[in-house]
Amino acid sequence: MGGFNERSEEVVELIRFNPDGSLTRREIEVNLKQGLNDETNPLLWNNDIILAGRSRSARITDTLSNILGPVLQIVPALRLLLD
């Protein structure tokens, strides 16, 4: 899933292909309430790439779901067999 939400990190990486063919990479703190600003909230150009990772809490929750999900799916089947 894309976009910014409570599962996103607060810092993203902007990768920009400049008109002269060079590449610019920089980290930007996400503040959706802030207006456009070249330093902290730049206007996106065609072909810009934004890399946004998952927050720590999202990574922990996803890991627990991956571990516990299969176990929790087996429990109802075990109840049927044991009853």
N, C-alpha and C. Protein backbone atom coordinates (compact mmCIF):
# COMPACT_ATOMS: atom_id res chain seq x y z
N MET A 1 0.84 -1.17 0.00
CA MET A 1 0.00 0.00 0.00
C MET A 1 0.88 1.24 0.00
N GLY A 2 0.46 2.23 -0.72
CA GLY A 2 1.24 3.45 -0.81
C GLY A 2 0.64 4.57 0.00
N GLY A 3 1.33 5.67 0.02
CA GLY A 3 0.84 6.85 0.71
C GLY A 3 1.37 6.96 2.12
N PHE A 4 1.08 8.09 2.74
CA PHE A 4 1.53 8.33 4.10
C PHE A 4 0.37 8.09 5.05
N ASN A 5 0.63 7.36 6.09
CA ASN A 5 -0.36 7.12 7.13
C ASN A 5 0.39 6.83 8.42
N GLU A 6 -0.33 6.37 9.44
CA GLU A 6 0.31 6.13 10.74
C GLU A 6 1.33 5.00 10.69
N ARG A 7 1.36 4.22 9.61
CA ARG A 7 2.32 3.13 9.47
C ARG A 7 3.60 3.57 8.76
N SER A 8 3.66 4.82 8.33
CA SER A 8 4.82 5.32 7.60
C SER A 8 5.84 5.93 8.55
N GLU A 9 7.09 5.88 8.13
CA GLU A 9 8.13 6.57 8.87
C GLU A 9 7.93 8.07 8.73
N GLU A 10 8.52 8.82 9.63
CA GLU A 10 8.38 10.27 9.59
C GLU A 10 9.41 10.92 8.67
N VAL A 11 10.38 10.15 8.22
CA VAL A 11 11.40 10.67 7.30
C VAL A 11 11.35 9.83 6.03
N VAL A 12 11.33 10.51 4.88
CA VAL A 12 11.33 9.81 3.59
C VAL A 12 12.57 10.23 2.81
N GLU A 13 12.87 9.45 1.80
CA GLU A 13 13.99 9.80 0.92
C GLU A 13 13.43 10.23 -0.43
N LEU A 14 13.88 11.39 -0.90
CA LEU A 14 13.51 11.89 -2.21
C LEU A 14 14.66 11.62 -3.17
N ILE A 15 14.36 10.92 -4.25
CA ILE A 15 15.35 10.67 -5.30
C ILE A 15 14.86 11.42 -6.53
N ARG A 16 15.70 12.33 -7.00
CA ARG A 16 15.30 13.19 -8.12
C ARG A 16 16.31 13.09 -9.25
N PHE A 17 15.78 12.87 -10.45
CA PHE A 17 16.61 12.89 -11.65
C PHE A 17 16.58 14.32 -12.18
N ASN A 18 17.71 14.99 -12.13
CA ASN A 18 17.81 16.39 -12.54
C ASN A 18 17.86 16.51 -14.06
N PRO A 19 17.48 17.68 -14.59
CA PRO A 19 17.49 17.89 -16.04
C PRO A 19 18.86 17.66 -16.69
N ASP A 20 19.95 17.87 -15.93
CA ASP A 20 21.29 17.68 -16.49
C ASP A 20 21.74 16.22 -16.46
N GLY A 21 20.85 15.32 -16.00
CA GLY A 21 21.16 13.89 -15.97
C GLY A 21 21.72 13.41 -14.64
N SER A 22 22.00 14.33 -13.73
CA SER A 22 22.52 13.92 -12.43
C SER A 22 21.37 13.44 -11.53
N LEU A 23 21.75 12.84 -10.43
CA LEU A 23 20.79 12.28 -9.49
C LEU A 23 20.98 12.95 -8.14
N THR A 24 19.89 13.36 -7.51
CA THR A 24 19.94 13.96 -6.19
C THR A 24 19.16 13.08 -5.23
N ARG A 25 19.77 12.78 -4.09
CA ARG A 25 19.10 12.01 -3.04
C ARG A 25 19.15 12.82 -1.76
N ARG A 26 18.01 12.92 -1.08
CA ARG A 26 18.01 13.61 0.21
C ARG A 26 16.87 13.11 1.07
N GLU A 27 17.07 13.22 2.37
CA GLU A 27 16.05 12.82 3.33
C GLU A 27 15.22 14.04 3.70
N ILE A 28 13.91 13.83 3.82
CA ILE A 28 12.99 14.92 4.14
C ILE A 28 12.07 14.45 5.26
N GLU A 29 11.90 15.29 6.29
CA GLU A 29 10.94 14.98 7.34
C GLU A 29 9.54 15.25 6.82
N VAL A 30 8.64 14.31 7.03
CA VAL A 30 7.27 14.44 6.55
C VAL A 30 6.48 15.35 7.48
N ASN A 31 5.89 16.38 6.90
CA ASN A 31 4.98 17.26 7.63
C ASN A 31 3.91 17.68 6.63
N LEU A 32 2.79 16.94 6.63
CA LEU A 32 1.75 17.17 5.63
C LEU A 32 1.00 18.48 5.85
N LYS A 33 1.16 19.10 7.00
CA LYS A 33 0.48 20.37 7.28
C LYS A 33 1.28 21.57 6.77
N GLN A 34 2.53 21.35 6.43
CA GLN A 34 3.41 22.42 5.99
C GLN A 34 3.16 22.73 4.52
N GLY A 35 3.27 23.99 4.15
CA GLY A 35 3.12 24.37 2.75
C GLY A 35 4.35 24.00 1.93
N LEU A 36 4.29 24.26 0.63
CA LEU A 36 5.43 23.96 -0.24
C LEU A 36 6.64 24.78 0.17
N ASN A 37 7.79 24.12 0.16
CA ASN A 37 9.04 24.75 0.56
C ASN A 37 10.15 23.91 -0.04
N ASP A 38 11.06 24.52 -0.77
CA ASP A 38 12.12 23.76 -1.46
C ASP A 38 12.97 22.92 -0.52
N GLU A 39 13.17 23.37 0.69
CA GLU A 39 14.06 22.66 1.61
C GLU A 39 13.36 21.51 2.35
N THR A 40 12.17 21.76 2.87
CA THR A 40 11.54 20.77 3.75
C THR A 40 10.27 20.14 3.19
N ASN A 41 9.69 20.71 2.15
CA ASN A 41 8.47 20.15 1.56
C ASN A 41 8.44 20.51 0.07
N PRO A 42 9.33 19.91 -0.72
CA PRO A 42 9.48 20.33 -2.11
C PRO A 42 8.32 19.87 -3.00
N LEU A 43 8.08 20.65 -4.04
CA LEU A 43 7.14 20.26 -5.07
C LEU A 43 7.75 19.08 -5.83
N LEU A 44 6.96 18.06 -6.08
CA LEU A 44 7.49 16.88 -6.79
C LEU A 44 7.49 17.11 -8.29
N TRP A 45 8.52 16.64 -8.95
CA TRP A 45 8.65 16.72 -10.39
C TRP A 45 8.32 15.36 -10.99
N ASN A 46 8.08 15.36 -12.31
CA ASN A 46 7.92 14.08 -13.01
C ASN A 46 9.16 13.23 -12.76
N ASN A 47 8.95 11.96 -12.57
CA ASN A 47 10.01 10.96 -12.36
C ASN A 47 10.68 11.04 -10.99
N ASP A 48 10.20 11.89 -10.08
CA ASP A 48 10.72 11.86 -8.71
C ASP A 48 10.30 10.55 -8.06
N ILE A 49 11.13 10.07 -7.17
CA ILE A 49 10.84 8.83 -6.44
C ILE A 49 10.88 9.15 -4.95
N ILE A 50 9.85 8.71 -4.24
CA ILE A 50 9.79 8.88 -2.79
C ILE A 50 9.86 7.49 -2.16
N LEU A 51 10.83 7.28 -1.28
CA LEU A 51 10.95 6.02 -0.56
C LEU A 51 10.52 6.26 0.88
N ALA A 52 9.46 5.59 1.28
CA ALA A 52 8.95 5.73 2.65
C ALA A 52 8.89 4.35 3.27
N GLY A 53 9.65 4.16 4.33
CA GLY A 53 9.65 2.88 5.02
C GLY A 53 8.52 2.80 6.03
N ARG A 54 8.39 1.62 6.61
CA ARG A 54 7.38 1.43 7.65
C ARG A 54 7.94 1.90 8.99
N SER A 55 7.07 2.39 9.84
CA SER A 55 7.48 2.82 11.17
C SER A 55 7.86 1.60 12.01
N ARG A 56 8.51 1.85 13.13
CA ARG A 56 8.91 0.76 14.02
C ARG A 56 7.70 -0.03 14.49
N SER A 57 6.64 0.67 14.89
CA SER A 57 5.45 -0.04 15.38
C SER A 57 4.81 -0.88 14.27
N ALA A 58 4.84 -0.39 13.05
CA ALA A 58 4.29 -1.17 11.93
C ALA A 58 5.13 -2.42 11.69
N ARG A 59 6.46 -2.30 11.78
CA ARG A 59 7.32 -3.48 11.59
C ARG A 59 7.07 -4.52 12.68
N ILE A 60 6.91 -4.07 13.93
CA ILE A 60 6.66 -5.00 15.04
C ILE A 60 5.31 -5.69 14.85
N THR A 61 4.29 -4.91 14.54
CA THR A 61 2.95 -5.47 14.33
C THR A 61 2.94 -6.47 13.19
N ASP A 62 3.59 -6.13 12.09
CA ASP A 62 3.64 -7.05 10.94
C ASP A 62 4.37 -8.34 11.29
N THR A 63 5.46 -8.24 12.04
CA THR A 63 6.21 -9.43 12.43
C THR A 63 5.36 -10.33 13.32
N LEU A 64 4.68 -9.74 14.30
CA LEU A 64 3.81 -10.53 15.17
C LEU A 64 2.68 -11.19 14.39
N SER A 65 2.12 -10.47 13.44
CA SER A 65 1.05 -11.05 12.61
C SER A 65 1.57 -12.22 11.79
N ASN A 66 2.78 -12.09 11.27
CA ASN A 66 3.36 -13.18 10.48
C ASN A 66 3.64 -14.41 11.33
N ILE A 67 4.01 -14.19 12.58
CA ILE A 67 4.32 -15.32 13.46
C ILE A 67 3.04 -15.94 14.02
N LEU A 68 2.14 -15.10 14.51
CA LEU A 68 0.94 -15.60 15.19
C LEU A 68 -0.20 -15.94 14.24
N GLY A 69 -0.21 -15.36 13.05
CA GLY A 69 -1.30 -15.60 12.10
C GLY A 69 -1.57 -17.07 11.82
N PRO A 70 -0.56 -17.84 11.43
CA PRO A 70 -0.79 -19.26 11.16
C PRO A 70 -1.27 -20.03 12.40
N VAL A 71 -0.73 -19.70 13.55
CA VAL A 71 -1.14 -20.39 14.79
C VAL A 71 -2.61 -20.11 15.08
N LEU A 72 -3.00 -18.86 14.93
CA LEU A 72 -4.39 -18.49 15.22
C LEU A 72 -5.37 -19.09 14.21
N GLN A 73 -4.90 -19.42 13.02
CA GLN A 73 -5.77 -20.07 12.04
C GLN A 73 -5.96 -21.55 12.36
N ILE A 74 -4.99 -22.16 13.03
CA ILE A 74 -5.07 -23.58 13.37
C ILE A 74 -5.95 -23.82 14.59
N VAL A 75 -6.01 -22.87 15.50
CA VAL A 75 -6.74 -23.05 16.76
C VAL A 75 -8.20 -23.46 16.54
N PRO A 76 -8.97 -22.81 15.67
CA PRO A 76 -10.36 -23.25 15.47
C PRO A 76 -10.46 -24.69 14.96
N ALA A 77 -9.54 -25.09 14.09
CA ALA A 77 -9.56 -26.46 13.59
C ALA A 77 -9.26 -27.45 14.71
N LEU A 78 -8.34 -27.11 15.59
CA LEU A 78 -8.04 -27.99 16.72
C LEU A 78 -9.23 -28.12 17.66
N ARG A 79 -9.95 -27.04 17.84
CA ARG A 79 -11.15 -27.09 18.70
C ARG A 79 -12.18 -28.06 18.13
N LEU A 80 -12.34 -28.05 16.81
CA LEU A 80 -13.29 -28.96 16.18
C LEU A 80 -12.87 -30.41 16.38
N LEU A 81 -11.58 -30.67 16.27
CA LEU A 81 -11.07 -32.04 16.42
C LEU A 81 -11.15 -32.52 17.86
N LEU A 82 -10.95 -31.62 18.80
CA LEU A 82 -10.91 -32.01 20.21
C LEU A 82 -12.29 -32.06 20.86
N ASP A 83 -13.27 -31.46 20.25
CA ASP A 83 -14.62 -31.47 20.84
C ASP A 83 -15.38 -32.71 20.47
